[in-house]
């Protein structure tokens, strides 16, 4: 609370919104990454 001036639960809600946005776009990422060859 000291760093931002907000309550801890408010910080968790903000983090949840950020992570939710990242997760919402996660579905097509593995297919995109799989389209590149793997060099061993």
N, C-alpha and C. Protein backbone atom coordinates (compact mmCIF):
# COMPACT_ATOMS: atom_id res chain seq x y z
N UNK A 1 0.83 -1.19 0.00
CA UNK A 1 0.00 0.00 0.00
C UNK A 1 0.87 1.25 0.00
N UNK A 2 2.02 1.17 0.57
CA UNK A 2 2.86 2.37 0.65
C UNK A 2 3.35 2.83 -0.71
N UNK A 3 3.67 1.92 -1.61
CA UNK A 3 4.24 2.29 -2.90
C UNK A 3 3.20 2.96 -3.80
N UNK A 4 1.99 2.44 -3.83
CA UNK A 4 0.99 2.96 -4.77
C UNK A 4 -0.09 3.79 -4.09
N UNK A 5 -0.24 3.62 -2.79
CA UNK A 5 -1.31 4.32 -2.09
C UNK A 5 -2.64 3.61 -2.17
N UNK A 6 -2.66 2.44 -2.83
CA UNK A 6 -3.89 1.67 -2.94
C UNK A 6 -3.85 0.47 -2.01
N UNK A 7 -5.01 -0.08 -1.74
CA UNK A 7 -5.12 -1.28 -0.90
C UNK A 7 -4.57 -2.48 -1.66
N UNK A 8 -4.05 -3.48 -0.93
CA UNK A 8 -3.51 -4.67 -1.62
C UNK A 8 -4.52 -5.34 -2.55
N UNK A 9 -5.79 -5.43 -2.13
CA UNK A 9 -6.77 -6.08 -2.99
C UNK A 9 -6.99 -5.31 -4.28
N UNK A 10 -6.82 -4.00 -4.26
CA UNK A 10 -6.95 -3.21 -5.49
C UNK A 10 -5.79 -3.53 -6.45
N UNK A 11 -4.62 -3.76 -5.88
CA UNK A 11 -3.47 -4.13 -6.71
C UNK A 11 -3.70 -5.49 -7.35
N UNK A 12 -4.25 -6.44 -6.59
CA UNK A 12 -4.52 -7.76 -7.14
C UNK A 12 -5.57 -7.69 -8.25
N UNK A 13 -6.58 -6.85 -8.09
CA UNK A 13 -7.57 -6.69 -9.15
C UNK A 13 -6.96 -6.11 -10.42
N UNK A 14 -6.07 -5.14 -10.26
CA UNK A 14 -5.40 -4.55 -11.42
C UNK A 14 -4.52 -5.59 -12.10
N UNK A 15 -3.78 -6.38 -11.31
CA UNK A 15 -2.95 -7.43 -11.86
C UNK A 15 -3.79 -8.47 -12.58
N UNK A 16 -4.93 -8.83 -12.00
CA UNK A 16 -5.84 -9.79 -12.63
C UNK A 16 -6.32 -9.29 -13.99
N UNK A 17 -6.62 -8.01 -14.09
CA UNK A 17 -7.03 -7.44 -15.37
C UNK A 17 -5.91 -7.54 -16.41
N UNK A 18 -4.69 -7.24 -16.00
CA UNK A 18 -3.54 -7.31 -16.91
C UNK A 18 -3.31 -8.75 -17.37
N UNK A 19 -3.28 -9.67 -16.43
CA UNK A 19 -3.03 -11.07 -16.76
C UNK A 19 -4.18 -11.66 -17.57
N UNK A 20 -5.40 -11.22 -17.29
CA UNK A 20 -6.55 -11.68 -18.07
C UNK A 20 -6.43 -11.25 -19.53
N UNK A 21 -5.97 -10.03 -19.76
CA UNK A 21 -5.77 -9.55 -21.12
C UNK A 21 -4.71 -10.34 -21.86
N UNK A 22 -3.65 -10.70 -21.15
CA UNK A 22 -2.60 -11.53 -21.76
C UNK A 22 -3.15 -12.92 -22.08
N UNK A 23 -3.88 -13.48 -21.14
CA UNK A 23 -4.44 -14.81 -21.34
C UNK A 23 -5.49 -14.88 -22.43
N UNK A 24 -6.23 -13.81 -22.61
CA UNK A 24 -7.26 -13.79 -23.65
C UNK A 24 -6.68 -13.98 -25.05
N UNK A 25 -5.46 -13.52 -25.26
CA UNK A 25 -4.84 -13.64 -26.57
C UNK A 25 -3.92 -14.84 -26.69
N UNK A 26 -3.95 -15.75 -25.74
CA UNK A 26 -3.00 -16.86 -25.71
C UNK A 26 -3.33 -18.00 -26.66
N UNK A 27 -4.56 -18.16 -27.04
CA UNK A 27 -4.98 -19.31 -27.84
C UNK A 27 -4.18 -19.45 -29.15
N UNK A 28 -4.03 -18.41 -29.96
CA UNK A 28 -3.33 -18.60 -31.24
C UNK A 28 -1.80 -18.62 -31.13
N UNK A 29 -1.23 -18.28 -29.99
CA UNK A 29 0.23 -18.19 -29.88
C UNK A 29 0.95 -19.51 -30.13
N UNK A 30 0.53 -20.64 -29.54
CA UNK A 30 1.26 -21.89 -29.81
C UNK A 30 1.24 -22.28 -31.29
N UNK A 31 0.14 -22.07 -31.97
CA UNK A 31 0.07 -22.39 -33.39
C UNK A 31 1.04 -21.51 -34.18
N UNK A 32 1.12 -20.25 -33.83
CA UNK A 32 2.04 -19.34 -34.51
C UNK A 32 3.49 -19.78 -34.27
N UNK A 33 3.80 -20.10 -33.04
CA UNK A 33 5.17 -20.51 -32.72
C UNK A 33 5.51 -21.84 -33.37
N UNK A 34 4.53 -22.73 -33.50
CA UNK A 34 4.77 -24.04 -34.12
C UNK A 34 5.00 -23.91 -35.62
N UNK A 35 4.65 -22.78 -36.22
CA UNK A 35 4.84 -22.63 -37.66
C UNK A 35 6.31 -22.38 -38.02
N UNK A 36 7.16 -22.17 -37.03
CA UNK A 36 8.59 -21.96 -37.28
C UNK A 36 9.34 -23.28 -37.06
N UNK A 37 10.31 -23.57 -37.93
CA UNK A 37 11.05 -24.84 -37.77
C UNK A 37 11.91 -24.83 -36.52
N UNK A 38 12.12 -26.02 -35.99
CA UNK A 38 12.98 -26.19 -34.82
C UNK A 38 14.30 -26.76 -35.30
N UNK A 39 15.38 -26.08 -35.00
CA UNK A 39 16.72 -26.55 -35.39
C UNK A 39 17.40 -27.14 -34.17
N UNK A 40 17.71 -28.39 -34.27
CA UNK A 40 18.34 -29.08 -33.13
C UNK A 40 19.80 -29.31 -33.41
